[in-house]
Amino acid sequence: MKRCFCAKIFFPVLLGLVFFVGSHLTAAAADSVTIFAAASTTNAVTDIGKLFSKKGFGEMIPSFASSSTLAKQIENGAPAQIYLSADLKWMDYLEKKGLIEPGSRFDLLGNRIVLIVPEESRVDRVDIGPGFGLASLLGDGYLSMGDPDHVPAGIYGKQALESLGVWKDVETRIARQKDVRSALALVERGESPLGVVYATDASISKKVRVVGTFPEDSHPKIIYPVAMVKDGETAVSKAFLEFLKSDEARTIFESYGFSMAK
């Protein structure tokens, strides 16, 4: 009889515990937003997420990588709610596949691409213009940049170098990196004498110097679009998407060198 009585008590308690844990996990998920964002936005978006949480709006769960990598992950079912791309191409890619919530997309940020060298480099200033001597500056080294086949910073870099007529001089000497932060790191370590990165990435490093800025007319305008991923809308994700447009978020983005899209 005792055994039977204990069982009658145990199973309701167990079911209650399962319900309690399950409901709290659901509540935790409802109080957070998962954003897949371009690697170049790592510092700014992290700070914005902290501020969002501090205000009691919810927790931000970020995933940072190249825009192409993130777009492919979303296509394959990764649980992103918001996607922040470093170029229009990969946002267009997801939108054409019906993976972006209609009407949620807008242009958020702008950026510039620059030429960097390790801090101890003897290269002081480079006048970037048609036919400039990039190959001779490289010497026996390689130019570090995001893979121009799919990483936005690399794509912009290649377009600029083609426009200036120097791509063919260096195309066999490109150190292709998985994202712009990896391209930055290679120059920081002195493994590449030169690199092409966003101005915002160069600004966060004390181990590199900017020696030249690419003319704006040498490549398409750099635009960072953001949107809600299909079926990703919740009260918290909607609030975070709006928060990215706030004056407080703007202040953080601009502190890292981004411009706001017009």
C-alpha atoms as a PDB file:
ATOM      1  CA  MET A   1       0.000   0.000   0.000  1.00  0.00           C
ATOM      2  CA  LYS A   2       2.837   2.387   0.827  1.00  0.00           C
ATOM      3  CA  ARG A   3       4.435   1.798  -2.547  1.00  0.00           C
ATOM      4  CA  CYS A   4       1.182   2.578  -4.311  1.00  0.00           C
ATOM      5  CA  PHE A   5       0.617   5.727  -2.262  1.00  0.00           C
ATOM      6  CA  CYS A   6       4.162   7.008  -3.022  1.00  0.00           C
ATOM      7  CA  ALA A   7       3.663   6.410  -6.711  1.00  0.00           C
ATOM      8  CA  LYS A   8       0.425   8.380  -6.642  1.00  0.00           C
ATOM      9  CA  ILE A   9       2.303  11.316  -5.122  1.00  0.00           C
ATOM     10  CA  PHE A  10       5.503  10.973  -7.215  1.00  0.00           C
ATOM     11  CA  PHE A  11       4.009  11.061 -10.694  1.00  0.00           C
ATOM     12  CA  PRO A  12       1.939  14.241 -10.222  1.00  0.00           C
ATOM     13  CA  VAL A  13       5.011  15.923  -8.727  1.00  0.00           C
ATOM     14  CA  LEU A  14       7.141  14.790 -11.674  1.00  0.00           C
ATOM     15  CA  LEU A  15       4.581  16.048 -14.175  1.00  0.00           C
ATOM     16  CA  GLY A  16       4.400  19.330 -12.316  1.00  0.00           C
ATOM     17  CA  LEU A  17       8.180  19.676 -12.415  1.00  0.00           C
ATOM     18  CA  VAL A  18       8.279  19.004 -16.164  1.00  0.00           C
ATOM     19  CA  PHE A  19       5.570  21.603 -16.725  1.00  0.00           C
ATOM     20  CA  PHE A  20       7.398  24.129 -14.505  1.00  0.00           C
ATOM     21  CA  VAL A  21      10.738  23.692 -16.302  1.00  0.00           C
ATOM     22  CA  GLY A  22       9.115  23.674 -19.731  1.00  0.00           C
ATOM     23  CA  SER A  23       7.103  26.812 -19.079  1.00  0.00           C
ATOM     24  CA  HIS A  24      10.181  28.636 -17.796  1.00  0.00           C
ATOM     25  CA  LEU A  25      12.230  27.646 -20.856  1.00  0.00           C
ATOM     26  CA  THR A  26       9.432  28.930 -23.066  1.00  0.00           C
ATOM     27  CA  ALA A  27       9.325  32.169 -21.081  1.00  0.00           C
ATOM     28  CA  ALA A  28      13.102  32.537 -21.398  1.00  0.00           C
ATOM     29  CA  ALA A  29      12.864  32.115 -25.175  1.00  0.00           C
ATOM     30  CA  ALA A  30      10.038  34.648 -25.336  1.00  0.00           C
ATOM     31  CA  ASP A  31      12.182  37.172 -23.431  1.00  0.00           C
ATOM     32  CA  SER A  32      15.111  36.992 -25.865  1.00  0.00           C
ATOM     33  CA  VAL A  33      15.890  37.807 -29.480  1.00  0.00           C
ATOM     34  CA  THR A  34      18.384  35.986 -31.690  1.00  0.00           C
ATOM     35  CA  ILE A  35      20.184  38.166 -34.220  1.00  0.00           C
ATOM     36  CA  PHE A  36      22.512  36.983 -36.968  1.00  0.00           C
ATOM     37  CA  ALA A  37      24.760  39.955 -37.748  1.00  0.00           C
ATOM     38  CA  ALA A  38      27.724  40.697 -39.997  1.00  0.00           C
ATOM     39  CA  ALA A  39      31.098  40.248 -38.294  1.00  0.00           C
ATOM     40  CA  SER A  40      31.946  43.919 -38.763  1.00  0.00           C
ATOM     41  CA  THR A  41      29.076  44.894 -36.447  1.00  0.00           C
ATOM     42  CA  THR A  42      30.276  42.703 -33.550  1.00  0.00           C
ATOM     43  CA  ASN A  43      31.308  45.430 -31.118  1.00  0.00           C
ATOM     44  CA  ALA A  44      28.475  47.841 -31.862  1.00  0.00           C
ATOM     45  CA  VAL A  45      25.691  45.252 -31.829  1.00  0.00           C
ATOM     46  CA  THR A  46      27.082  43.687 -28.643  1.00  0.00           C
ATOM     47  CA  ASP A  47      26.958  47.066 -26.907  1.00  0.00           C
ATOM     48  CA  ILE A  48      23.457  47.733 -28.201  1.00  0.00           C
ATOM     49  CA  GLY A  49      22.321  44.332 -26.955  1.00  0.00           C
ATOM     50  CA  LYS A  50      23.695  45.073 -23.500  1.00  0.00           C
ATOM     51  CA  LEU A  51      21.842  48.386 -23.415  1.00  0.00           C
ATOM     52  CA  PHE A  52      18.634  46.716 -24.616  1.00  0.00           C
ATOM     53  CA  SER A  53      18.927  44.177 -21.789  1.00  0.00           C
ATOM     54  CA  LYS A  54      19.832  46.816 -19.199  1.00  0.00           C
ATOM     55  CA  LYS A  55      16.622  48.653 -20.023  1.00  0.00           C
ATOM     56  CA  GLY A  56      14.684  45.491 -19.257  1.00  0.00           C
ATOM     57  CA  PHE A  57      13.479  44.940 -22.826  1.00  0.00           C
ATOM     58  CA  GLY A  58      14.893  41.418 -23.131  1.00  0.00           C
ATOM     59  CA  GLU A  59      18.104  39.518 -23.821  1.00  0.00           C
ATOM     60  CA  MET A  60      19.905  39.630 -27.153  1.00  0.00           C
ATOM     61  CA  ILE A  61      21.499  36.386 -28.373  1.00  0.00           C
ATOM     62  CA  PRO A  62      23.939  37.224 -31.208  1.00  0.00           C
ATOM     63  CA  SER A  63      25.720  35.172 -33.841  1.00  0.00           C
ATOM     64  CA  PHE A  64      28.458  36.991 -35.780  1.00  0.00           C
ATOM     65  CA  ALA A  65      30.040  35.797 -39.024  1.00  0.00           C
ATOM     66  CA  SER A  66      30.301  36.834 -42.660  1.00  0.00           C
ATOM     67  CA  SER A  67      26.942  37.842 -44.148  1.00  0.00           C
ATOM     68  CA  SER A  68      27.150  34.999 -46.652  1.00  0.00           C
ATOM     69  CA  THR A  69      27.732  32.366 -43.966  1.00  0.00           C
ATOM     70  CA  LEU A  70      24.826  33.664 -41.898  1.00  0.00           C
ATOM     71  CA  ALA A  71      22.497  33.813 -44.908  1.00  0.00           C
ATOM     72  CA  LYS A  72      23.274  30.188 -45.748  1.00  0.00           C
ATOM     73  CA  GLN A  73      22.678  29.168 -42.138  1.00  0.00           C
ATOM     74  CA  ILE A  74      19.284  30.894 -42.155  1.00  0.00           C
ATOM     75  CA  GLU A  75      18.457  29.188 -45.442  1.00  0.00           C
ATOM     76  CA  ASN A  76      19.249  25.863 -43.786  1.00  0.00           C
ATOM     77  CA  GLY A  77      16.921  26.519 -40.873  1.00  0.00           C
ATOM     78  CA  ALA A  78      19.112  28.199 -38.248  1.00  0.00           C
ATOM     79  CA  PRO A  79      16.911  29.834 -35.573  1.00  0.00           C
ATOM     80  CA  ALA A  80      17.602  33.483 -36.385  1.00  0.00           C
ATOM     81  CA  GLN A  81      14.932  36.107 -35.795  1.00  0.00           C
ATOM     82  CA  ILE A  82      16.756  39.163 -37.140  1.00  0.00           C
ATOM     83  CA  TYR A  83      19.347  39.293 -39.928  1.00  0.00           C
ATOM     84  CA  LEU A  84      21.789  42.214 -40.283  1.00  0.00           C
ATOM     85  CA  SER A  85      23.812  41.983 -43.487  1.00  0.00           C
ATOM     86  CA  ALA A  86      26.878  43.940 -44.558  1.00  0.00           C
ATOM     87  CA  ASP A  87      25.594  44.198 -48.110  1.00  0.00           C
ATOM     88  CA  LEU A  88      22.411  44.120 -50.155  1.00  0.00           C
ATOM     89  CA  LYS A  89      23.279  40.959 -52.061  1.00  0.00           C
ATOM     90  CA  TRP A  90      22.762  38.482 -49.226  1.00  0.00           C
ATOM     91  CA  MET A  91      19.635  40.179 -47.943  1.00  0.00           C
ATOM     92  CA  ASP A  92      18.251  40.028 -51.485  1.00  0.00           C
ATOM     93  CA  TYR A  93      19.200  36.339 -51.570  1.00  0.00           C
ATOM     94  CA  LEU A  94      17.095  35.523 -48.507  1.00  0.00           C
ATOM     95  CA  GLU A  95      14.244  37.780 -49.556  1.00  0.00           C
ATOM     96  CA  LYS A  96      13.950  36.064 -52.941  1.00  0.00           C
ATOM     97  CA  LYS A  97      13.685  32.739 -51.130  1.00  0.00           C
ATOM     98  CA  GLY A  98      10.813  34.036 -48.996  1.00  0.00           C
ATOM     99  CA  LEU A  99      12.857  33.908 -45.789  1.00  0.00           C
ATOM    100  CA  ILE A 100      12.394  37.574 -44.820  1.00  0.00           C
ATOM    101  CA  GLU A 101       9.205  38.953 -43.274  1.00  0.00           C
ATOM    102  CA  PRO A 102       7.571  41.219 -45.881  1.00  0.00           C
ATOM    103  CA  GLY A 103       7.771  44.899 -45.016  1.00  0.00           C
ATOM    104  CA  SER A 104      10.313  44.453 -42.207  1.00  0.00           C
ATOM    105  CA  ARG A 105      13.453  45.240 -44.200  1.00  0.00           C
ATOM    106  CA  PHE A 106      15.197  48.606 -44.084  1.00  0.00           C
ATOM    107  CA  ASP A 107      18.668  50.049 -44.690  1.00  0.00           C
ATOM    108  CA  LEU A 108      20.413  50.675 -41.366  1.00  0.00           C
ATOM    109  CA  LEU A 109      24.105  51.534 -41.762  1.00  0.00           C
ATOM    110  CA  GLY A 110      26.826  52.759 -44.062  1.00  0.00           C
ATOM    111  CA  ASN A 111      30.610  52.163 -44.004  1.00  0.00           C
ATOM    112  CA  ARG A 112      33.874  52.771 -45.894  1.00  0.00           C
ATOM    113  CA  ILE A 113      36.701  50.443 -46.926  1.00  0.00           C
ATOM    114  CA  VAL A 114      40.297  51.298 -46.098  1.00  0.00           C
ATOM    115  CA  LEU A 115      43.823  50.047 -46.640  1.00  0.00           C
ATOM    116  CA  ILE A 116      45.606  49.037 -43.441  1.00  0.00           C
ATOM    117  CA  VAL A 117      49.133  48.075 -42.413  1.00  0.00           C
ATOM    118  CA  PRO A 118      50.575  46.609 -39.188  1.00  0.00           C
ATOM    119  CA  GLU A 119      51.317  49.304 -36.598  1.00  0.00           C
ATOM    120  CA  GLU A 120      55.089  48.853 -37.005  1.00  0.00           C
ATOM    121  CA  SER A 121      54.994  49.078 -40.831  1.00  0.00           C
ATOM    122  CA  ARG A 122      57.183  51.627 -42.566  1.00  0.00           C
ATOM    123  CA  VAL A 123      54.374  52.461 -44.972  1.00  0.00           C
ATOM    124  CA  ASP A 124      53.038  55.827 -43.887  1.00  0.00           C
ATOM    125  CA  ARG A 125      50.451  57.027 -46.405  1.00  0.00           C
ATOM    126  CA  VAL A 126      49.118  55.642 -49.670  1.00  0.00           C
ATOM    127  CA  ASP A 127      47.402  57.808 -52.256  1.00  0.00           C
ATOM    128  CA  ILE A 128      44.736  55.419 -53.469  1.00  0.00           C
ATOM    129  CA  GLY A 129      43.815  56.240 -57.041  1.00  0.00           C
ATOM    130  CA  PRO A 130      43.862  54.797 -60.565  1.00  0.00           C
ATOM    131  CA  GLY A 131      46.906  52.577 -61.106  1.00  0.00           C
ATOM    132  CA  PHE A 132      48.378  53.130 -57.620  1.00  0.00           C
ATOM    133  CA  GLY A 133      51.352  50.888 -56.769  1.00  0.00           C
ATOM    134  CA  LEU A 134      49.665  48.248 -54.645  1.00  0.00           C
ATOM    135  CA  ALA A 135      51.740  45.347 -55.977  1.00  0.00           C
ATOM    136  CA  SER A 136      55.034  47.049 -55.156  1.00  0.00           C
ATOM    137  CA  LEU A 137      53.773  47.902 -51.666  1.00  0.00           C
ATOM    138  CA  LEU A 138      53.041  44.216 -51.069  1.00  0.00           C
ATOM    139  CA  GLY A 139      56.578  43.157 -51.892  1.00  0.00           C
ATOM    140  CA  ASP A 140      56.641  39.385 -51.392  1.00  0.00           C
ATOM    141  CA  GLY A 141      53.576  39.465 -49.130  1.00  0.00           C
ATOM    142  CA  TYR A 142      49.867  38.882 -49.599  1.00  0.00           C
ATOM    143  CA  LEU A 143      46.937  41.271 -49.393  1.00  0.00           C
ATOM    144  CA  SER A 144      44.574  40.253 -46.583  1.00  0.00           C
ATOM    145  CA  MET A 145      40.875  40.668 -47.309  1.00  0.00           C
ATOM    146  CA  GLY A 146      37.567  38.886 -46.962  1.00  0.00           C
ATOM    147  CA  ASP A 147      37.119  36.254 -49.651  1.00  0.00           C
ATOM    148  CA  PRO A 148      35.964  38.340 -52.643  1.00  0.00           C
ATOM    149  CA  ASP A 149      33.810  35.460 -53.861  1.00  0.00           C
ATOM    150  CA  HIS A 150      31.335  35.787 -51.001  1.00  0.00           C
ATOM    151  CA  VAL A 151      32.424  38.068 -48.107  1.00  0.00           C
ATOM    152  CA  PRO A 152      30.959  41.591 -48.552  1.00  0.00           C
ATOM    153  CA  ALA A 153      34.109  43.476 -47.464  1.00  0.00           C
ATOM    154  CA  GLY A 154      36.108  41.400 -49.934  1.00  0.00           C
ATOM    155  CA  ILE A 155      33.560  41.928 -52.686  1.00  0.00           C
ATOM    156  CA  TYR A 156      33.685  45.696 -52.180  1.00  0.00           C
ATOM    157  CA  GLY A 157      37.477  45.525 -52.053  1.00  0.00           C
ATOM    158  CA  LYS A 158      37.732  43.632 -55.323  1.00  0.00           C
ATOM    159  CA  GLN A 159      35.296  46.010 -57.010  1.00  0.00           C
ATOM    160  CA  ALA A 160      37.384  48.974 -55.868  1.00  0.00           C
ATOM    161  CA  LEU A 161      40.654  47.429 -57.025  1.00  0.00           C
ATOM    162  CA  GLU A 162      39.129  46.538 -60.403  1.00  0.00           C
ATOM    163  CA  SER A 163      37.769  50.056 -60.772  1.00  0.00           C
ATOM    164  CA  LEU A 164      41.202  51.489 -60.021  1.00  0.00           C
ATOM    165  CA  GLY A 165      42.868  49.107 -62.496  1.00  0.00           C
ATOM    166  CA  VAL A 166      45.092  47.238 -60.037  1.00  0.00           C
ATOM    167  CA  TRP A 167      43.185  44.010 -59.353  1.00  0.00           C
ATOM    168  CA  LYS A 168      45.040  42.019 -62.030  1.00  0.00           C
ATOM    169  CA  ASP A 169      48.342  43.048 -60.448  1.00  0.00           C
ATOM    170  CA  VAL A 170      47.457  41.392 -57.130  1.00  0.00           C
ATOM    171  CA  GLU A 171      44.699  38.828 -57.757  1.00  0.00           C
ATOM    172  CA  THR A 172      47.102  35.891 -57.322  1.00  0.00           C
ATOM    173  CA  ARG A 173      48.384  37.376 -54.070  1.00  0.00           C
ATOM    174  CA  ILE A 174      45.177  37.613 -52.066  1.00  0.00           C
ATOM    175  CA  ALA A 175      44.996  36.059 -48.595  1.00  0.00           C
ATOM    176  CA  ARG A 176      41.300  35.166 -48.710  1.00  0.00           C
ATOM    177  CA  GLN A 177      39.703  35.218 -45.262  1.00  0.00           C
ATOM    178  CA  LYS A 178      36.375  33.850 -44.009  1.00  0.00           C
ATOM    179  CA  ASP A 179      35.230  37.291 -42.813  1.00  0.00           C
ATOM    180  CA  VAL A 180      36.495  40.837 -42.361  1.00  0.00           C
ATOM    181  CA  ARG A 181      37.593  40.295 -38.749  1.00  0.00           C
ATOM    182  CA  SER A 182      39.848  37.451 -39.880  1.00  0.00           C
ATOM    183  CA  ALA A 183      41.325  39.761 -42.527  1.00  0.00           C
ATOM    184  CA  LEU A 184      42.005  42.329 -39.808  1.00  0.00           C
ATOM    185  CA  ALA A 185      43.618  39.730 -37.537  1.00  0.00           C
ATOM    186  CA  LEU A 186      46.057  38.635 -40.247  1.00  0.00           C
ATOM    187  CA  VAL A 187      47.417  42.171 -40.529  1.00  0.00           C
ATOM    188  CA  GLU A 188      47.413  42.621 -36.749  1.00  0.00           C
ATOM    189  CA  ARG A 189      49.710  39.609 -36.452  1.00  0.00           C
ATOM    190  CA  GLY A 190      52.004  40.954 -39.158  1.00  0.00           C
ATOM    191  CA  GLU A 191      51.321  37.951 -41.397  1.00  0.00           C
ATOM    192  CA  SER A 192      50.144  40.263 -44.188  1.00  0.00           C
ATOM    193  CA  PRO A 193      51.787  43.625 -44.931  1.00  0.00           C
ATOM    194  CA  LEU A 194      48.523  45.142 -46.175  1.00  0.00           C
ATOM    195  CA  GLY A 195      44.820  44.536 -45.743  1.00  0.00           C
ATOM    196  CA  VAL A 196      41.486  45.802 -47.017  1.00  0.00           C
ATOM    197  CA  VAL A 197      38.859  46.088 -44.278  1.00  0.00           C
ATOM    198  CA  TYR A 198      36.005  48.333 -43.229  1.00  0.00           C
ATOM    199  CA  ALA A 199      36.954  51.610 -41.567  1.00  0.00           C
ATOM    200  CA  THR A 200      34.984  50.479 -38.516  1.00  0.00           C
ATOM    201  CA  ASP A 201      37.118  47.353 -38.101  1.00  0.00           C
ATOM    202  CA  ALA A 202      40.342  49.309 -38.390  1.00  0.00           C
ATOM    203  CA  SER A 203      39.126  51.755 -35.741  1.00  0.00           C
ATOM    204  CA  ILE A 204      38.817  49.091 -33.023  1.00  0.00           C
ATOM    205  CA  SER A 205      42.401  47.833 -33.395  1.00  0.00           C
ATOM    206  CA  LYS A 206      45.534  49.310 -31.855  1.00  0.00           C
ATOM    207  CA  LYS A 207      47.703  46.956 -33.889  1.00  0.00           C
ATOM    208  CA  VAL A 208      47.005  48.400 -37.346  1.00  0.00           C
ATOM    209  CA  ARG A 209      47.055  51.807 -39.015  1.00  0.00           C
ATOM    210  CA  VAL A 210      44.919  53.155 -41.839  1.00  0.00           C
ATOM    211  CA  VAL A 211      47.155  54.384 -44.665  1.00  0.00           C
ATOM    212  CA  GLY A 212      44.479  55.129 -47.225  1.00  0.00           C
ATOM    213  CA  THR A 213      40.730  55.255 -47.811  1.00  0.00           C
ATOM    214  CA  PHE A 214      39.239  53.977 -51.046  1.00  0.00           C
ATOM    215  CA  PRO A 215      37.353  56.589 -53.071  1.00  0.00           C
ATOM    216  CA  GLU A 216      33.600  56.193 -52.629  1.00  0.00           C
ATOM    217  CA  ASP A 217      33.091  56.145 -56.382  1.00  0.00           C
ATOM    218  CA  SER A 218      35.449  53.168 -56.777  1.00  0.00           C
ATOM    219  CA  HIS A 219      32.858  50.695 -55.500  1.00  0.00           C
ATOM    220  CA  PRO A 220      29.094  50.480 -54.922  1.00  0.00           C
ATOM    221  CA  LYS A 221      27.777  52.296 -51.881  1.00  0.00           C
ATOM    222  CA  ILE A 222      28.224  50.198 -48.731  1.00  0.00           C
ATOM    223  CA  ILE A 223      24.814  49.578 -47.179  1.00  0.00           C
ATOM    224  CA  TYR A 224      23.875  47.346 -44.236  1.00  0.00           C
ATOM    225  CA  PRO A 225      20.235  46.232 -44.484  1.00  0.00           C
ATOM    226  CA  VAL A 226      18.410  44.585 -41.578  1.00  0.00           C
ATOM    227  CA  ALA A 227      15.156  42.629 -41.474  1.00  0.00           C
ATOM    228  CA  MET A 228      13.032  40.203 -39.515  1.00  0.00           C
ATOM    229  CA  VAL A 229      13.566  36.593 -40.529  1.00  0.00           C
ATOM    230  CA  LYS A 230      10.450  34.697 -41.625  1.00  0.00           C
ATOM    231  CA  ASP A 231       8.390  33.588 -38.603  1.00  0.00           C
ATOM    232  CA  GLY A 232      10.864  35.311 -36.272  1.00  0.00           C
ATOM    233  CA  GLU A 233       8.591  38.060 -35.005  1.00  0.00           C
ATOM    234  CA  THR A 234       7.845  38.202 -31.282  1.00  0.00           C
ATOM    235  CA  ALA A 235       7.269  41.174 -29.022  1.00  0.00           C
ATOM    236  CA  VAL A 236      10.962  41.191 -28.084  1.00  0.00           C
ATOM    237  CA  SER A 237      12.342  40.731 -31.613  1.00  0.00           C
ATOM    238  CA  LYS A 238      10.044  43.462 -32.916  1.00  0.00           C
ATOM    239  CA  ALA A 239      11.174  45.776 -30.101  1.00  0.00           C
ATOM    240  CA  PHE A 240      14.859  45.061 -30.832  1.00  0.00           C
ATOM    241  CA  LEU A 241      14.454  45.731 -34.556  1.00  0.00           C
ATOM    242  CA  GLU A 242      12.934  49.102 -33.698  1.00  0.00           C
ATOM    243  CA  PHE A 243      15.616  49.735 -31.073  1.00  0.00           C
ATOM    244  CA  LEU A 244      18.292  49.491 -33.780  1.00  0.00           C
ATOM    245  CA  LYS A 245      16.849  52.733 -35.201  1.00  0.00           C
ATOM    246  CA  SER A 246      16.800  54.574 -31.878  1.00  0.00           C
ATOM    247  CA  ASP A 247      18.966  57.577 -31.034  1.00  0.00           C
ATOM    248  CA  GLU A 248      20.741  55.476 -28.395  1.00  0.00           C
ATOM    249  CA  ALA A 249      21.647  52.811 -30.936  1.00  0.00           C
ATOM    250  CA  ARG A 250      22.696  55.493 -33.418  1.00  0.00           C
ATOM    251  CA  THR A 251      25.123  56.920 -30.854  1.00  0.00           C
ATOM    252  CA  ILE A 252      26.722  53.504 -30.392  1.00  0.00           C
ATOM    253  CA  PHE A 253      26.954  52.779 -34.117  1.00  0.00           C
ATOM    254  CA  GLU A 254      28.501  56.178 -34.810  1.00  0.00           C
ATOM    255  CA  SER A 255      30.991  55.740 -31.952  1.00  0.00           C
ATOM    256  CA  TYR A 256      32.399  52.778 -33.900  1.00  0.00           C
ATOM    257  CA  GLY A 257      32.575  54.754 -37.129  1.00  0.00           C
ATOM    258  CA  PHE A 258      29.413  53.620 -38.888  1.00  0.00           C
ATOM    259  CA  SER A 259      27.247  56.137 -40.663  1.00  0.00           C
ATOM    260  CA  MET A 260      23.483  55.799 -40.597  1.00  0.00           C
ATOM    261  CA  ALA A 261      21.856  54.915 -43.894  1.00  0.00           C
ATOM    262  CA  LYS A 262      19.769  57.654 -45.467  1.00  0.00           C
END
